[in-house]
């Protein structure tokens, strides 16, 4: 199946329905393809059944013109804790990210206005046992999920599309995936160097090597229209770090 939202296409890789039993640890895969040329997509994977089990969401970024496979499997701890029939709702939700500053803030706060991209229902079947009676009583009393567990979500680079394959071929046989966005380490270096550069202290003045490195990262990864957003984000981080240091000293 395939559907598009915000220029993002998904398809179910496995031909059969996504069904989990408590003893099943095999991963199920969904492939995401971002058809936009310049917009990142922040998506999260969430699995929940109200009053029974709440799965904390996992966040990841889908760069423009790239495809990835999302592999979903229940962790062994979750599998052992599901000795009854249970229907889980697997949800992929996505939001367009216009600049890396917005992407970083979304990662930090996990508060993103998302649009529904696709829903799939997962079943965990065991007809021999029912949920413990005390769980049902607690659910009625508290009206909230009883516990939180973590679903294992592995983000795997997918094969390049037809247009991307022609680009890869010019880079030699060893190149299979083109890096479409800066890594977390590179993003950290950019913000760190910007923060130092914004400081008035002499000891924080960038060295010649750091100046060249910041310029190289800017030219390689940052569009001119987005550079101001990076500078604003670095300034905000300086304020937050100063406030954090002040609270620790108080």
C-alpha atoms as a PDB file:
ATOM      1  CA  UNK A   1       0.000   0.000   0.000  1.00  0.00           C
ATOM      2  CA  UNK A   2       1.172   3.544  -0.594  1.00  0.00           C
ATOM      3  CA  UNK A   3      -0.103   6.966   0.253  1.00  0.00           C
ATOM      4  CA  UNK A   4       1.286  10.493   0.244  1.00  0.00           C
ATOM      5  CA  UNK A   5       1.193  13.286   2.816  1.00  0.00           C
ATOM      6  CA  UNK A   6       3.437  16.336   2.883  1.00  0.00           C
ATOM      7  CA  UNK A   7       5.282  14.812  -0.068  1.00  0.00           C
ATOM      8  CA  UNK A   8       6.164  11.696   1.958  1.00  0.00           C
ATOM      9  CA  UNK A   9       5.237   8.276   0.674  1.00  0.00           C
ATOM     10  CA  UNK A  10       5.062   5.112   2.719  1.00  0.00           C
ATOM     11  CA  UNK A  11       4.639   1.531   1.730  1.00  0.00           C
ATOM     12  CA  UNK A  12       4.312  -1.675   3.697  1.00  0.00           C
ATOM     13  CA  UNK A  13       7.389  -3.723   2.868  1.00  0.00           C
ATOM     14  CA  UNK A  14       6.111  -7.012   4.246  1.00  0.00           C
ATOM     15  CA  UNK A  15       3.331  -8.516   2.096  1.00  0.00           C
ATOM     16  CA  UNK A  16       1.328  -9.787   5.070  1.00  0.00           C
ATOM     17  CA  UNK A  17      -0.452  -7.912   7.841  1.00  0.00           C
ATOM     18  CA  UNK A  18       1.602  -6.631  10.762  1.00  0.00           C
ATOM     19  CA  UNK A  19       0.813  -9.172  13.493  1.00  0.00           C
ATOM     20  CA  UNK A  20       2.793  -9.643  16.702  1.00  0.00           C
ATOM     21  CA  UNK A  21       2.411 -12.480  19.191  1.00  0.00           C
ATOM     22  CA  UNK A  22       4.078 -12.346  22.633  1.00  0.00           C
ATOM     23  CA  UNK A  23       6.755 -14.790  21.478  1.00  0.00           C
ATOM     24  CA  UNK A  24       7.344 -13.215  18.057  1.00  0.00           C
ATOM     25  CA  UNK A  25      10.523 -11.139  17.829  1.00  0.00           C
ATOM     26  CA  UNK A  26      10.738 -10.903  14.028  1.00  0.00           C
ATOM     27  CA  UNK A  27      10.806  -7.283  12.793  1.00  0.00           C
ATOM     28  CA  UNK A  28       8.173  -5.832  10.493  1.00  0.00           C
ATOM     29  CA  UNK A  29       9.260  -3.113   8.082  1.00  0.00           C
ATOM     30  CA  UNK A  30       7.719   0.007   6.606  1.00  0.00           C
ATOM     31  CA  UNK A  31       9.558   2.036   3.982  1.00  0.00           C
ATOM     32  CA  UNK A  32       9.313   5.831   3.963  1.00  0.00           C
ATOM     33  CA  UNK A  33      10.207   7.923   0.911  1.00  0.00           C
ATOM     34  CA  UNK A  34      10.513  11.719   1.058  1.00  0.00           C
ATOM     35  CA  UNK A  35       9.746  13.052  -2.432  1.00  0.00           C
ATOM     36  CA  UNK A  36      10.442  16.699  -1.590  1.00  0.00           C
ATOM     37  CA  UNK A  37      13.683  18.301  -2.756  1.00  0.00           C
ATOM     38  CA  UNK A  38      14.328  20.652   0.161  1.00  0.00           C
ATOM     39  CA  UNK A  39      12.136  19.786   3.147  1.00  0.00           C
ATOM     40  CA  UNK A  40      13.145  17.513   6.004  1.00  0.00           C
ATOM     41  CA  UNK A  41      10.466  15.414   7.669  1.00  0.00           C
ATOM     42  CA  UNK A  42      10.456  14.662  11.372  1.00  0.00           C
ATOM     43  CA  UNK A  43       8.474  11.505  12.005  1.00  0.00           C
ATOM     44  CA  UNK A  44       7.791   9.450  15.069  1.00  0.00           C
ATOM     45  CA  UNK A  45       6.729   5.864  15.552  1.00  0.00           C
ATOM     46  CA  UNK A  46       4.168   5.294  18.245  1.00  0.00           C
ATOM     47  CA  UNK A  47       2.342   2.176  19.382  1.00  0.00           C
ATOM     48  CA  UNK A  48      -0.439   2.353  21.937  1.00  0.00           C
ATOM     49  CA  UNK A  49      -3.575   0.716  23.272  1.00  0.00           C
ATOM     50  CA  UNK A  50      -5.474   3.006  25.703  1.00  0.00           C
ATOM     51  CA  UNK A  51      -5.636   1.609  29.219  1.00  0.00           C
ATOM     52  CA  UNK A  52      -3.406  -1.341  28.383  1.00  0.00           C
ATOM     53  CA  UNK A  53       0.003  -0.416  27.111  1.00  0.00           C
ATOM     54  CA  UNK A  54       1.651   2.838  26.151  1.00  0.00           C
ATOM     55  CA  UNK A  55       4.735   2.857  23.946  1.00  0.00           C
ATOM     56  CA  UNK A  56       7.002   5.872  24.094  1.00  0.00           C
ATOM     57  CA  UNK A  57       7.494   7.399  20.620  1.00  0.00           C
ATOM     58  CA  UNK A  58      10.756   7.174  18.722  1.00  0.00           C
ATOM     59  CA  UNK A  59      11.803  10.190  16.634  1.00  0.00           C
ATOM     60  CA  UNK A  60      13.845  10.283  13.453  1.00  0.00           C
ATOM     61  CA  UNK A  61      14.516  12.638  10.548  1.00  0.00           C
ATOM     62  CA  UNK A  62      13.846  11.843   6.907  1.00  0.00           C
ATOM     63  CA  UNK A  63      16.069  14.040   4.668  1.00  0.00           C
ATOM     64  CA  UNK A  64      14.814  15.319   1.297  1.00  0.00           C
ATOM     65  CA  UNK A  65      14.855  12.920  -1.661  1.00  0.00           C
ATOM     66  CA  UNK A  66      15.780   9.921   0.452  1.00  0.00           C
ATOM     67  CA  UNK A  67      14.201   6.642   1.491  1.00  0.00           C
ATOM     68  CA  UNK A  68      14.569   4.668   4.709  1.00  0.00           C
ATOM     69  CA  UNK A  69      13.209   1.446   6.131  1.00  0.00           C
ATOM     70  CA  UNK A  70      11.689   1.508   9.606  1.00  0.00           C
ATOM     71  CA  UNK A  71      11.989  -1.886  11.282  1.00  0.00           C
ATOM     72  CA  UNK A  72       9.559  -2.476  14.144  1.00  0.00           C
ATOM     73  CA  UNK A  73       9.695  -5.364  16.580  1.00  0.00           C
ATOM     74  CA  UNK A  74       8.599  -5.862  20.163  1.00  0.00           C
ATOM     75  CA  UNK A  75      11.494  -5.998  22.588  1.00  0.00           C
ATOM     76  CA  UNK A  76      11.855  -9.189  24.597  1.00  0.00           C
ATOM     77  CA  UNK A  77      10.749  -7.388  27.762  1.00  0.00           C
ATOM     78  CA  UNK A  78       7.530  -6.224  26.123  1.00  0.00           C
ATOM     79  CA  UNK A  79       6.903  -9.642  24.576  1.00  0.00           C
ATOM     80  CA  UNK A  80       7.162 -11.364  27.944  1.00  0.00           C
ATOM     81  CA  UNK A  81       4.775  -8.869  29.516  1.00  0.00           C
ATOM     82  CA  UNK A  82       1.950  -9.558  27.032  1.00  0.00           C
ATOM     83  CA  UNK A  83       0.496 -12.959  28.025  1.00  0.00           C
ATOM     84  CA  UNK A  84      -3.010 -12.088  26.837  1.00  0.00           C
ATOM     85  CA  UNK A  85      -4.895 -11.054  23.750  1.00  0.00           C
ATOM     86  CA  UNK A  86      -4.126  -7.447  22.975  1.00  0.00           C
ATOM     87  CA  UNK A  87      -4.576  -5.197  19.949  1.00  0.00           C
ATOM     88  CA  UNK A  88      -1.872  -2.562  19.527  1.00  0.00           C
ATOM     89  CA  UNK A  89      -2.211   0.450  17.241  1.00  0.00           C
ATOM     90  CA  UNK A  90       0.947   1.242  15.292  1.00  0.00           C
ATOM     91  CA  UNK A  91       1.068   4.849  14.090  1.00  0.00           C
ATOM     92  CA  UNK A  92       3.513   6.751  11.917  1.00  0.00           C
ATOM     93  CA  UNK A  93       3.067  10.508  12.102  1.00  0.00           C
ATOM     94  CA  UNK A  94       5.096  13.122  10.287  1.00  0.00           C
ATOM     95  CA  UNK A  95       5.678  16.857  10.220  1.00  0.00           C
ATOM     96  CA  UNK A  96       7.541  18.961   7.659  1.00  0.00           C
ATOM     97  CA  UNK A  97      10.640  20.678   9.046  1.00  0.00           C
ATOM     98  CA  UNK A  98      11.633  23.821   7.170  1.00  0.00           C
ATOM     99  CA  UNK A  99      14.986  24.474   8.870  1.00  0.00           C
ATOM    100  CA  UNK A 100      17.493  22.603  10.994  1.00  0.00           C
ATOM    101  CA  UNK A 101      16.874  24.966  13.909  1.00  0.00           C
ATOM    102  CA  UNK A 102      13.263  23.809  14.010  1.00  0.00           C
ATOM    103  CA  UNK A 103      14.418  20.206  13.697  1.00  0.00           C
ATOM    104  CA  UNK A 104      16.755  20.511  16.686  1.00  0.00           C
ATOM    105  CA  UNK A 105      14.053  22.094  18.831  1.00  0.00           C
ATOM    106  CA  UNK A 106      11.604  19.353  17.880  1.00  0.00           C
ATOM    107  CA  UNK A 107      14.100  16.687  18.887  1.00  0.00           C
ATOM    108  CA  UNK A 108      14.770  18.416  22.197  1.00  0.00           C
ATOM    109  CA  UNK A 109      11.200  18.995  23.322  1.00  0.00           C
ATOM    110  CA  UNK A 110       9.398  16.151  21.516  1.00  0.00           C
ATOM    111  CA  UNK A 111       6.520  18.564  20.939  1.00  0.00           C
ATOM    112  CA  UNK A 112       5.665  18.536  17.266  1.00  0.00           C
ATOM    113  CA  UNK A 113       2.341  19.303  15.628  1.00  0.00           C
ATOM    114  CA  UNK A 114       2.035  16.190  13.504  1.00  0.00           C
ATOM    115  CA  UNK A 115      -0.328  15.035  10.816  1.00  0.00           C
ATOM    116  CA  UNK A 116      -1.459  11.446  10.631  1.00  0.00           C
ATOM    117  CA  UNK A 117       0.461   9.609   7.954  1.00  0.00           C
ATOM    118  CA  UNK A 118      -0.553   5.974   8.321  1.00  0.00           C
ATOM    119  CA  UNK A 119      -2.144   3.683  10.876  1.00  0.00           C
ATOM    120  CA  UNK A 120      -1.650  -0.064  11.099  1.00  0.00           C
ATOM    121  CA  UNK A 121      -3.139  -2.381  13.678  1.00  0.00           C
ATOM    122  CA  UNK A 122      -0.976  -4.960  15.408  1.00  0.00           C
ATOM    123  CA  UNK A 123      -2.412  -7.948  17.258  1.00  0.00           C
ATOM    124  CA  UNK A 124      -0.866  -9.839  20.152  1.00  0.00           C
ATOM    125  CA  UNK A 125      -2.919 -13.022  20.564  1.00  0.00           C
ATOM    126  CA  UNK A 126      -2.931 -15.493  23.422  1.00  0.00           C
ATOM    127  CA  UNK A 127      -6.351 -16.994  24.152  1.00  0.00           C
ATOM    128  CA  UNK A 128      -5.303 -18.958  27.221  1.00  0.00           C
ATOM    129  CA  UNK A 129      -5.033 -16.058  29.648  1.00  0.00           C
ATOM    130  CA  UNK A 130      -6.856 -12.811  30.344  1.00  0.00           C
ATOM    131  CA  UNK A 131      -5.440  -9.586  31.798  1.00  0.00           C
ATOM    132  CA  UNK A 132      -5.069  -9.732  35.593  1.00  0.00           C
ATOM    133  CA  UNK A 133      -8.174  -8.524  37.422  1.00  0.00           C
ATOM    134  CA  UNK A 134      -6.195  -5.985  39.451  1.00  0.00           C
ATOM    135  CA  UNK A 135      -5.050  -4.348  36.221  1.00  0.00           C
ATOM    136  CA  UNK A 136      -8.630  -3.866  35.060  1.00  0.00           C
ATOM    137  CA  UNK A 137      -9.616  -2.420  38.451  1.00  0.00           C
ATOM    138  CA  UNK A 138      -6.666  -0.031  38.420  1.00  0.00           C
ATOM    139  CA  UNK A 139      -7.502   1.057  34.887  1.00  0.00           C
ATOM    140  CA  UNK A 140     -11.058   1.919  35.897  1.00  0.00           C
ATOM    141  CA  UNK A 141      -9.852   3.814  38.960  1.00  0.00           C
ATOM    142  CA  UNK A 142      -7.048   5.818  37.384  1.00  0.00           C
ATOM    143  CA  UNK A 143      -8.369   6.208  33.833  1.00  0.00           C
ATOM    144  CA  UNK A 144      -4.863   6.233  32.414  1.00  0.00           C
ATOM    145  CA  UNK A 145      -2.292   3.823  30.968  1.00  0.00           C
ATOM    146  CA  UNK A 146      -0.924   1.542  33.649  1.00  0.00           C
ATOM    147  CA  UNK A 147       2.676   1.531  32.533  1.00  0.00           C
ATOM    148  CA  UNK A 148       5.051   2.466  29.766  1.00  0.00           C
ATOM    149  CA  UNK A 149       7.166   0.112  27.723  1.00  0.00           C
ATOM    150  CA  UNK A 150       9.537   0.740  24.852  1.00  0.00           C
ATOM    151  CA  UNK A 151       9.063  -0.675  21.402  1.00  0.00           C
ATOM    152  CA  UNK A 152      12.239  -1.410  19.477  1.00  0.00           C
ATOM    153  CA  UNK A 153      12.387   0.813  16.391  1.00  0.00           C
ATOM    154  CA  UNK A 154      15.420   0.532  14.146  1.00  0.00           C
ATOM    155  CA  UNK A 155      15.954   3.168  11.465  1.00  0.00           C
ATOM    156  CA  UNK A 156      17.761   1.692   8.455  1.00  0.00           C
ATOM    157  CA  UNK A 157      18.890   3.551   5.307  1.00  0.00           C
ATOM    158  CA  UNK A 158      16.827   2.377   2.385  1.00  0.00           C
ATOM    159  CA  UNK A 159      18.109   1.848  -1.150  1.00  0.00           C
ATOM    160  CA  UNK A 160      18.431   5.042  -3.227  1.00  0.00           C
ATOM    161  CA  UNK A 161      15.678   5.811  -5.701  1.00  0.00           C
ATOM    162  CA  UNK A 162      16.252   5.775  -9.465  1.00  0.00           C
ATOM    163  CA  UNK A 163      17.277   9.429  -9.620  1.00  0.00           C
ATOM    164  CA  UNK A 164      19.660   9.074  -6.696  1.00  0.00           C
ATOM    165  CA  UNK A 165      21.239   5.922  -8.156  1.00  0.00           C
ATOM    166  CA  UNK A 166      22.626   7.871 -11.110  1.00  0.00           C
ATOM    167  CA  UNK A 167      24.316  10.278  -8.693  1.00  0.00           C
ATOM    168  CA  UNK A 168      25.778   7.415  -6.666  1.00  0.00           C
ATOM    169  CA  UNK A 169      27.219   5.797  -9.790  1.00  0.00           C
ATOM    170  CA  UNK A 170      29.451   8.808 -10.411  1.00  0.00           C
ATOM    171  CA  UNK A 171      31.017   8.454  -6.974  1.00  0.00           C
ATOM    172  CA  UNK A 172      32.500   4.999  -7.517  1.00  0.00           C
ATOM    173  CA  UNK A 173      31.353   1.459  -6.726  1.00  0.00           C
ATOM    174  CA  UNK A 174      31.790   1.855  -2.961  1.00  0.00           C
ATOM    175  CA  UNK A 175      29.201   4.638  -2.706  1.00  0.00           C
ATOM    176  CA  UNK A 176      25.708   3.269  -2.118  1.00  0.00           C
ATOM    177  CA  UNK A 177      24.024   6.042  -0.121  1.00  0.00           C
ATOM    178  CA  UNK A 178      24.678   9.769  -0.472  1.00  0.00           C
ATOM    179  CA  UNK A 179      24.674  11.694   2.799  1.00  0.00           C
ATOM    180  CA  UNK A 180      21.848  14.195   2.314  1.00  0.00           C
ATOM    181  CA  UNK A 181      22.170  16.120   5.587  1.00  0.00           C
ATOM    182  CA  UNK A 182      24.779  16.783   8.271  1.00  0.00           C
ATOM    183  CA  UNK A 183      25.252  14.112  10.892  1.00  0.00           C
ATOM    184  CA  UNK A 184      24.457  14.755  14.544  1.00  0.00           C
ATOM    185  CA  UNK A 185      28.183  15.229  15.194  1.00  0.00           C
ATOM    186  CA  UNK A 186      28.456  17.773  12.373  1.00  0.00           C
ATOM    187  CA  UNK A 187      25.374  19.633  13.604  1.00  0.00           C
ATOM    188  CA  UNK A 188      26.900  19.721  17.096  1.00  0.00           C
ATOM    189  CA  UNK A 189      30.163  21.106  15.712  1.00  0.00           C
ATOM    190  CA  UNK A 190      28.318  23.851  13.822  1.00  0.00           C
ATOM    191  CA  UNK A 191      26.364  24.951  16.897  1.00  0.00           C
ATOM    192  CA  UNK A 192      29.434  24.745  19.173  1.00  0.00           C
ATOM    193  CA  UNK A 193      31.551  26.871  16.834  1.00  0.00           C
ATOM    194  CA  UNK A 194      28.751  29.383  16.354  1.00  0.00           C
ATOM    195  CA  UNK A 195      28.343  29.706  20.117  1.00  0.00           C
ATOM    196  CA  UNK A 196      32.059  30.382  20.544  1.00  0.00           C
ATOM    197  CA  UNK A 197      32.022  32.878  17.696  1.00  0.00           C
ATOM    198  CA  UNK A 198      29.143  34.789  19.314  1.00  0.00           C
ATOM    199  CA  UNK A 199      30.990  35.156  22.616  1.00  0.00           C
ATOM    200  CA  UNK A 200      32.711  38.456  23.494  1.00  0.00           C
ATOM    201  CA  UNK A 201      35.377  36.744  25.596  1.00  0.00           C
ATOM    202  CA  UNK A 202      38.879  36.757  24.172  1.00  0.00           C
ATOM    203  CA  UNK A 203      39.497  33.164  25.278  1.00  0.00           C
ATOM    204  CA  UNK A 204      36.514  32.036  23.187  1.00  0.00           C
ATOM    205  CA  UNK A 205      37.779  33.607  19.992  1.00  0.00           C
ATOM    206  CA  UNK A 206      37.857  31.073  17.148  1.00  0.00           C
ATOM    207  CA  UNK A 207      41.243  29.849  16.036  1.00  0.00           C
ATOM    208  CA  UNK A 208      42.176  29.917  12.366  1.00  0.00           C
ATOM    209  CA  UNK A 209      41.504  26.186  12.138  1.00  0.00           C
ATOM    210  CA  UNK A 210      38.075  26.545  13.789  1.00  0.00           C
ATOM    211  CA  UNK A 211      37.189  29.428  11.479  1.00  0.00           C
ATOM    212  CA  UNK A 212      38.047  27.336   8.421  1.00  0.00           C
ATOM    213  CA  UNK A 213      36.105  24.362   9.799  1.00  0.00           C
ATOM    214  CA  UNK A 214      32.991  26.442  10.448  1.00  0.00           C
ATOM    215  CA  UNK A 215      33.146  27.895   6.945  1.00  0.00           C
ATOM    216  CA  UNK A 216      33.604  24.428   5.446  1.00  0.00           C
ATOM    217  CA  UNK A 217      30.578  23.057   7.304  1.00  0.00           C
ATOM    218  CA  UNK A 218      28.500  26.077   6.332  1.00  0.00           C
ATOM    219  CA  UNK A 219      29.333  25.779   2.633  1.00  0.00           C
ATOM    220  CA  UNK A 220      28.887  22.012   2.579  1.00  0.00           C
ATOM    221  CA  UNK A 221      25.635  21.659   4.497  1.00  0.00           C
ATOM    222  CA  UNK A 222      23.813  24.916   5.181  1.00  0.00           C
ATOM    223  CA  UNK A 223      21.754  26.815   2.655  1.00  0.00           C
ATOM    224  CA  UNK A 224      22.275  30.590   2.744  1.00  0.00           C
ATOM    225  CA  UNK A 225      18.601  31.128   3.565  1.00  0.00           C
ATOM    226  CA  UNK A 226      18.916  28.875   6.648  1.00  0.00           C
ATOM    227  CA  UNK A 227      22.176  30.191   8.099  1.00  0.00           C
ATOM    228  CA  UNK A 228      20.415  32.888  10.120  1.00  0.00           C
ATOM    229  CA  UNK A 229      18.245  30.212  11.769  1.00  0.00           C
ATOM    230  CA  UNK A 230      21.378  28.351  12.863  1.00  0.00           C
ATOM    231  CA  UNK A 231      22.795  31.546  14.371  1.00  0.00           C
ATOM    232  CA  UNK A 232      19.554  32.179  16.271  1.00  0.00           C
ATOM    233  CA  UNK A 233      19.540  28.613  17.563  1.00  0.00           C
ATOM    234  CA  UNK A 234      23.155  28.925  18.772  1.00  0.00           C
ATOM    235  CA  UNK A 235      22.285  32.166  20.579  1.00  0.00           C
ATOM    236  CA  UNK A 236      19.361  30.458  22.302  1.00  0.00           C
ATOM    237  CA  UNK A 237      21.597  27.587  23.349  1.00  0.00           C
ATOM    238  CA  UNK A 238      24.079  30.040  24.911  1.00  0.00           C
ATOM    239  CA  UNK A 239      21.267  31.562  26.971  1.00  0.00           C
ATOM    240  CA  UNK A 240      20.011  28.136  28.070  1.00  0.00           C
ATOM    241  CA  UNK A 241      23.489  26.950  29.054  1.00  0.00           C
ATOM    242  CA  UNK A 242      24.169  30.118  31.053  1.00  0.00           C
ATOM    243  CA  UNK A 243      20.857  29.702  32.862  1.00  0.00           C
ATOM    244  CA  UNK A 244      21.616  26.054  33.572  1.00  0.00           C
ATOM    245  CA  UNK A 245      25.035  26.951  34.999  1.00  0.00           C
ATOM    246  CA  UNK A 246      23.479  29.677  37.152  1.00  0.00           C
ATOM    247  CA  UNK A 247      20.935  27.244  38.625  1.00  0.00           C
ATOM    248  CA  UNK A 248      23.644  24.698  39.391  1.00  0.00           C
ATOM    249  CA  UNK A 249      25.680  27.298  41.272  1.00  0.00           C
ATOM    250  CA  UNK A 250      22.681  28.553  43.254  1.00  0.00           C
END
